[in-house]
């Protein structure tokens, strides 16, 4: 009877093992809790598809804490854990994950230019083990400068605050050329203000004042996103109307933002996670681009600068922060 009981138990145990909870590796650029919108979007997307973290799916988090040189080691650690899939939120994390594995599927949530950076062969046919969401939208940079010009018609000099350590040279030049082209069309001249650390912000703003910048545009990266409150405060102190790519900067006190929603990009990325866990190959899943963009304006920040948003901006705004 004991022998028969063991025989009967064997298929049951095998069935339980076959239903092991899938594990996702998350390779974050910043700090844990530093940019909740991204994770909130991913988790919401997973919940919409029936996944509940800690119940039928597990997520292994690894954070670079702003030190991008840590990414390769963190990616290798996720590979050693034999996760079923890696979610990488941005270009540098995607590149680190790609170098760490050619077999574990990788889902990107907001790559700027996955084709140009070589992480995928093409949008329709990504090939390899990577797919997901792209932020490759060249006309958005032009739209941001256009909105800035509408709010500050007198502006002729726009400072660009950016982190040269974030993007590789090819992607840096691509982003700059988009902005140069848009600036030429609007009659604007651009001033480069590079920052690599928080303690360089004061000097950058002082330089903008000396060079008589009329307005400011900020490139998004882990540094500027992490210190968005300090950047918004610096722009207010130096009375510089500023436009950002993500609404998170406006929530932190910035004047206005126009771009894709990080929440929505990550929520949509969850569909790739679901398809791959159910057997789909990344190479067969076309990369998607954002179709919805949000314009967010901050009336309080405008008042502090002595500005009034024109009606043309307010009627197009997706959200007006009072």
Protein backbone atom coordinates (compact mmCIF):
# COMPACT_ATOMS: atom_id res chain seq x y z
CA UNK A 1 0.00 0.00 0.00
CA UNK A 2 2.89 2.39 0.82
CA UNK A 3 4.52 1.59 -2.51
CA UNK A 4 1.30 2.25 -4.41
CA UNK A 5 0.87 5.52 -2.50
CA UNK A 6 4.31 6.69 -3.62
CA UNK A 7 3.56 5.78 -7.22
CA UNK A 8 0.32 7.70 -7.15
CA UNK A 9 2.04 10.70 -5.53
CA UNK A 10 4.75 10.98 -8.19
CA UNK A 11 2.57 12.43 -11.01
CA UNK A 12 1.04 14.90 -8.54
CA UNK A 13 4.47 16.17 -7.46
CA UNK A 14 5.57 16.46 -11.07
CA UNK A 15 2.46 18.49 -11.84
CA UNK A 16 3.22 20.85 -8.98
CA UNK A 17 6.79 21.34 -10.21
CA UNK A 18 5.54 22.06 -13.73
CA UNK A 19 3.47 24.91 -12.31
CA UNK A 20 6.45 26.71 -10.80
CA UNK A 21 5.95 30.46 -10.48
CA UNK A 22 7.75 32.28 -13.32
CA UNK A 23 10.49 34.69 -12.27
CA UNK A 24 11.14 38.03 -13.96
CA UNK A 25 14.38 39.94 -13.56
CA UNK A 26 14.03 43.73 -13.44
CA UNK A 27 17.20 45.68 -14.28
CA UNK A 28 16.66 49.22 -13.00
CA UNK A 29 18.88 52.23 -13.68
CA UNK A 30 18.03 54.28 -10.61
CA UNK A 31 17.11 53.62 -7.00
CA UNK A 32 14.43 51.37 -5.60
CA UNK A 33 11.33 53.55 -5.31
CA UNK A 34 12.94 56.40 -7.20
CA UNK A 35 10.63 56.27 -10.21
CA UNK A 36 7.45 54.47 -9.14
CA UNK A 37 5.49 55.33 -12.31
CA UNK A 38 7.47 52.81 -14.35
CA UNK A 39 7.00 49.95 -11.91
CA UNK A 40 3.39 50.93 -11.24
CA UNK A 41 2.68 50.71 -14.96
CA UNK A 42 4.36 47.31 -15.28
CA UNK A 43 2.60 45.93 -12.23
CA UNK A 44 -0.75 47.28 -13.39
CA UNK A 45 -0.26 45.72 -16.79
CA UNK A 46 0.61 42.39 -15.20
CA UNK A 47 -2.43 42.57 -12.92
CA UNK A 48 -4.65 43.30 -15.91
CA UNK A 49 -3.36 40.06 -17.42
CA UNK A 50 -3.94 38.03 -14.26
CA UNK A 51 -0.48 38.14 -12.71
CA UNK A 52 -0.11 39.05 -9.05
CA UNK A 53 3.39 39.60 -7.73
CA UNK A 54 4.15 37.21 -4.90
CA UNK A 55 1.36 34.84 -5.90
CA UNK A 56 1.67 33.61 -9.49
CA UNK A 57 4.70 35.62 -10.57
CA UNK A 58 7.94 36.70 -8.86
CA UNK A 59 10.14 39.68 -9.69
CA UNK A 60 13.85 39.85 -8.88
CA UNK A 61 14.85 43.54 -8.67
CA UNK A 62 18.36 44.79 -9.31
CA UNK A 63 19.11 48.53 -9.11
CA UNK A 64 22.15 50.35 -10.49
CA UNK A 65 21.42 53.29 -8.13
CA UNK A 66 22.50 55.77 -10.77
CA UNK A 67 25.87 54.08 -11.36
CA UNK A 68 25.53 52.78 -14.91
CA UNK A 69 28.84 50.91 -14.64
CA UNK A 70 27.09 48.48 -12.28
CA UNK A 71 24.62 47.36 -14.95
CA UNK A 72 26.74 44.55 -16.52
CA UNK A 73 27.33 42.88 -13.14
CA UNK A 74 23.67 43.20 -12.18
CA UNK A 75 22.57 41.75 -15.52
CA UNK A 76 24.98 38.85 -15.09
CA UNK A 77 23.55 38.22 -11.63
CA UNK A 78 20.03 37.93 -13.06
CA UNK A 79 21.31 35.49 -15.66
CA UNK A 80 22.91 33.36 -12.92
CA UNK A 81 19.55 33.29 -11.14
CA UNK A 82 18.12 31.73 -14.31
CA UNK A 83 15.16 34.09 -14.47
CA UNK A 84 12.62 33.32 -17.16
CA UNK A 85 12.74 36.83 -18.59
CA UNK A 86 14.47 40.18 -18.02
CA UNK A 87 12.65 43.52 -18.11
CA UNK A 88 15.03 46.37 -18.99
CA UNK A 89 13.59 49.90 -18.78
CA UNK A 90 16.03 51.91 -20.91
CA UNK A 91 18.81 51.74 -23.50
CA UNK A 92 21.79 51.23 -21.19
CA UNK A 93 20.01 48.53 -19.21
CA UNK A 94 18.91 46.82 -22.42
CA UNK A 95 22.46 46.83 -23.76
CA UNK A 96 23.80 45.37 -20.51
CA UNK A 97 21.18 42.63 -20.54
CA UNK A 98 21.93 41.83 -24.18
CA UNK A 99 25.63 41.44 -23.43
CA UNK A 100 24.82 39.16 -20.50
CA UNK A 101 22.57 36.72 -22.37
CA UNK A 102 21.57 35.72 -25.89
CA UNK A 103 19.01 33.16 -24.75
CA UNK A 104 16.92 34.63 -21.91
CA UNK A 105 14.15 36.84 -23.41
CA UNK A 106 14.49 40.57 -22.77
CA UNK A 107 11.55 42.99 -22.76
CA UNK A 108 12.47 46.67 -23.13
CA UNK A 109 10.02 49.23 -21.81
CA UNK A 110 11.22 52.51 -23.29
CA UNK A 111 14.24 52.25 -25.57
CA UNK A 112 14.95 55.52 -27.40
CA UNK A 113 16.28 53.98 -30.60
CA UNK A 114 16.51 50.18 -30.46
CA UNK A 115 17.45 49.89 -34.13
CA UNK A 116 20.05 52.66 -34.10
CA UNK A 117 21.69 51.28 -30.96
CA UNK A 118 21.73 47.77 -32.42
CA UNK A 119 19.67 46.03 -29.76
CA UNK A 120 17.19 44.82 -32.39
CA UNK A 121 17.54 44.24 -36.13
CA UNK A 122 14.29 46.05 -36.95
CA UNK A 123 11.01 47.15 -35.43
CA UNK A 124 8.82 44.73 -37.42
CA UNK A 125 11.29 41.86 -37.14
CA UNK A 126 13.43 42.41 -34.04
CA UNK A 127 15.25 39.08 -34.29
CA UNK A 128 17.30 37.72 -31.40
CA UNK A 129 15.98 37.65 -27.83
CA UNK A 130 14.79 41.27 -27.43
CA UNK A 131 11.49 43.04 -28.07
CA UNK A 132 9.18 45.49 -26.32
CA UNK A 133 8.48 49.21 -26.39
CA UNK A 134 10.41 51.97 -28.15
CA UNK A 135 10.35 55.74 -27.60
CA UNK A 136 11.74 56.37 -31.09
CA UNK A 137 9.66 59.44 -31.96
CA UNK A 138 11.83 62.06 -33.69
CA UNK A 139 9.08 64.68 -34.07
CA UNK A 140 8.48 64.88 -30.30
CA UNK A 141 11.64 66.94 -29.71
CA UNK A 142 10.44 69.49 -32.26
CA UNK A 143 7.02 69.60 -30.60
CA UNK A 144 8.55 70.31 -27.19
CA UNK A 145 10.53 73.29 -28.49
CA UNK A 146 7.43 74.50 -30.33
CA UNK A 147 5.41 74.44 -27.09
CA UNK A 148 8.21 76.27 -25.29
CA UNK A 149 8.26 78.96 -27.98
CA UNK A 150 4.48 79.39 -27.67
CA UNK A 151 4.77 79.94 -23.93
CA UNK A 152 7.84 82.22 -24.23
CA UNK A 153 7.51 83.93 -27.65
CA UNK A 154 10.46 86.24 -26.95
CA UNK A 155 12.83 83.31 -26.40
CA UNK A 156 15.80 83.10 -28.75
CA UNK A 157 18.33 81.15 -26.63
CA UNK A 158 17.41 77.78 -25.12
CA UNK A 159 19.76 75.95 -22.76
CA UNK A 160 19.81 72.15 -22.97
CA UNK A 161 20.51 70.37 -19.66
CA UNK A 162 21.78 66.85 -20.29
CA UNK A 163 24.01 64.07 -19.00
CA UNK A 164 26.70 63.05 -21.53
CA UNK A 165 27.48 59.85 -19.59
CA UNK A 166 24.02 58.39 -20.18
CA UNK A 167 23.75 57.73 -23.92
CA UNK A 168 26.35 56.37 -26.31
CA UNK A 169 27.85 58.80 -28.80
CA UNK A 170 25.63 57.80 -31.74
CA UNK A 171 22.43 58.21 -29.75
CA UNK A 172 23.63 61.48 -28.24
CA UNK A 173 24.26 62.92 -31.68
CA UNK A 174 20.89 61.68 -32.94
CA UNK A 175 19.07 63.37 -30.06
CA UNK A 176 21.02 66.59 -30.48
CA UNK A 177 20.41 66.70 -34.24
CA UNK A 178 16.67 66.35 -33.68
CA UNK A 179 16.77 69.37 -31.39
CA UNK A 180 19.09 71.40 -33.63
CA UNK A 181 16.80 70.85 -36.59
CA UNK A 182 13.74 71.88 -34.57
CA UNK A 183 15.58 74.92 -33.17
CA UNK A 184 16.58 76.13 -36.65
CA UNK A 185 12.98 75.96 -37.81
CA UNK A 186 11.87 78.04 -34.80
CA UNK A 187 14.71 80.56 -34.95
CA UNK A 188 16.26 79.35 -31.68
CA UNK A 189 19.90 78.86 -30.72
CA UNK A 190 20.80 76.03 -28.35
CA UNK A 191 23.28 76.15 -25.48
CA UNK A 192 24.70 72.87 -24.17
CA UNK A 193 24.88 72.52 -20.39
CA UNK A 194 26.25 69.09 -19.45
CA UNK A 195 25.94 67.69 -15.92
CA UNK A 196 27.24 64.38 -14.64
CA UNK A 197 26.38 64.71 -10.94
CA UNK A 198 24.05 66.57 -8.61
CA UNK A 199 26.81 68.92 -7.42
CA UNK A 200 27.21 70.23 -10.97
CA UNK A 201 23.66 71.59 -11.19
CA UNK A 202 24.32 74.92 -9.48
CA UNK A 203 27.19 75.65 -11.82
CA UNK A 204 25.09 74.73 -14.84
CA UNK A 205 22.30 77.12 -13.84
CA UNK A 206 24.80 79.88 -13.09
CA UNK A 207 26.25 79.37 -16.56
CA UNK A 208 22.79 79.64 -18.12
CA UNK A 209 22.28 82.97 -16.36
CA UNK A 210 25.67 84.29 -17.53
CA UNK A 211 24.93 83.23 -21.10
CA UNK A 212 21.49 84.86 -20.86
CA UNK A 213 19.45 81.78 -21.71
CA UNK A 214 15.76 82.59 -22.18
CA UNK A 215 14.42 79.10 -21.52
CA UNK A 216 15.45 75.55 -20.72
CA UNK A 217 14.86 72.08 -22.14
CA UNK A 218 15.92 68.98 -20.19
CA UNK A 219 16.96 65.64 -21.68
CA UNK A 220 15.66 62.69 -19.68
CA UNK A 221 18.13 60.25 -18.11
CA UNK A 222 18.48 58.57 -14.69
CA UNK A 223 20.37 61.57 -13.28
CA UNK A 224 17.94 64.30 -14.32
CA UNK A 225 14.94 62.15 -13.47
CA UNK A 226 16.27 61.29 -10.02
CA UNK A 227 17.01 64.95 -9.23
CA UNK A 228 13.98 66.42 -10.95
CA UNK A 229 12.94 68.37 -7.84
CA UNK A 230 16.32 70.07 -7.66
CA UNK A 231 16.23 70.86 -11.39
CA UNK A 232 12.72 72.32 -11.17
CA UNK A 233 13.78 74.38 -8.16
CA UNK A 234 16.89 75.60 -9.98
CA UNK A 235 14.86 76.63 -13.02
CA UNK A 236 12.45 78.55 -10.78
CA UNK A 237 15.28 80.24 -8.87
CA UNK A 238 16.93 81.41 -12.09
CA UNK A 239 13.55 82.28 -13.61
CA UNK A 240 13.96 79.96 -16.56
CA UNK A 241 10.78 78.59 -18.20
CA UNK A 242 11.55 74.90 -18.73
CA UNK A 243 10.05 72.02 -20.68
CA UNK A 244 10.63 68.37 -19.94
CA UNK A 245 9.94 65.06 -21.61
CA UNK A 246 8.04 63.37 -18.77
CA UNK A 247 5.23 64.52 -16.52
CA UNK A 248 7.22 63.41 -13.46
CA UNK A 249 9.25 66.62 -13.74
CA UNK A 250 6.06 68.70 -13.66
CA UNK A 251 4.75 66.77 -10.67
CA UNK A 252 8.04 67.76 -8.99
CA UNK A 253 7.37 71.46 -9.63
CA UNK A 254 8.44 71.90 -13.26
CA UNK A 255 6.62 74.17 -15.69
CA UNK A 256 5.50 71.84 -18.50
CA UNK A 257 6.17 68.49 -20.14
CA UNK A 258 5.33 66.77 -23.39
CA UNK A 259 6.05 63.17 -24.23
CA UNK A 260 4.99 59.57 -23.90
CA UNK A 261 3.69 58.30 -20.57
CA UNK A 262 6.15 56.08 -18.68
CA UNK A 263 3.20 54.46 -16.94
CA UNK A 264 1.55 53.53 -20.23
CA UNK A 265 4.79 52.34 -21.85
CA UNK A 266 5.43 50.01 -18.94
CA UNK A 267 1.81 48.89 -18.74
CA UNK A 268 1.95 47.97 -22.42
CA UNK A 269 5.31 46.21 -21.94
CA UNK A 270 3.52 43.74 -19.65
CA UNK A 271 1.74 42.30 -22.70
CA UNK A 272 5.14 41.24 -24.08
CA UNK A 273 5.96 39.58 -20.75
CA UNK A 274 2.68 37.67 -20.91
CA UNK A 275 3.14 36.52 -24.50
CA UNK A 276 6.70 35.33 -23.90
CA UNK A 277 5.80 33.46 -20.71
CA UNK A 278 3.11 31.72 -22.75
CA UNK A 279 5.65 30.57 -25.32
CA UNK A 280 6.04 33.36 -27.88
CA UNK A 281 9.53 34.14 -29.19
CA UNK A 282 10.82 37.72 -28.85
CA UNK A 283 12.06 37.59 -32.44
CA UNK A 284 8.46 37.14 -33.62
CA UNK A 285 6.97 40.03 -31.60
CA UNK A 286 7.25 43.41 -33.40
CA UNK A 287 8.56 46.31 -31.35
CA UNK A 288 5.82 48.84 -30.55
CA UNK A 289 6.04 52.64 -30.43
CA UNK A 290 3.94 54.98 -28.28
CA UNK A 291 0.77 56.30 -29.88
CA UNK A 292 -0.36 58.56 -27.05
CA UNK A 293 1.50 61.62 -25.79
CA UNK A 294 0.58 63.85 -22.89
CA UNK A 295 0.99 67.60 -22.45
CA UNK A 296 1.05 68.54 -18.77
CA UNK A 297 1.28 72.14 -17.54
CA UNK A 298 1.75 73.62 -14.07
CA UNK A 299 -0.14 76.86 -13.40
CA UNK A 300 1.57 77.41 -10.05
CA UNK A 301 5.02 77.21 -11.64
CA UNK A 302 3.91 79.58 -14.41
CA UNK A 303 2.63 82.13 -11.90
CA UNK A 304 5.92 82.04 -9.99
CA UNK A 305 7.71 82.88 -13.24
CA UNK A 306 5.26 85.63 -14.12
CA UNK A 307 3.98 83.68 -17.11
CA UNK A 308 0.51 82.98 -18.43
CA UNK A 309 -0.11 79.91 -20.54
CA UNK A 310 -1.72 80.90 -23.84
CA UNK A 311 -5.13 79.44 -24.56
CA UNK A 312 -3.62 77.43 -27.43
CA UNK A 313 -1.60 75.48 -24.85
CA UNK A 314 -4.34 75.09 -22.24
CA UNK A 315 -6.90 73.65 -24.66
CA UNK A 316 -4.39 71.02 -25.78
CA UNK A 317 -3.18 70.12 -22.29
CA UNK A 318 -4.05 66.64 -21.06
CA UNK A 319 -3.66 67.81 -17.48
CA UNK A 320 -3.47 71.23 -15.88
CA UNK A 321 -1.85 71.19 -12.42
CA UNK A 322 -3.28 73.98 -10.30
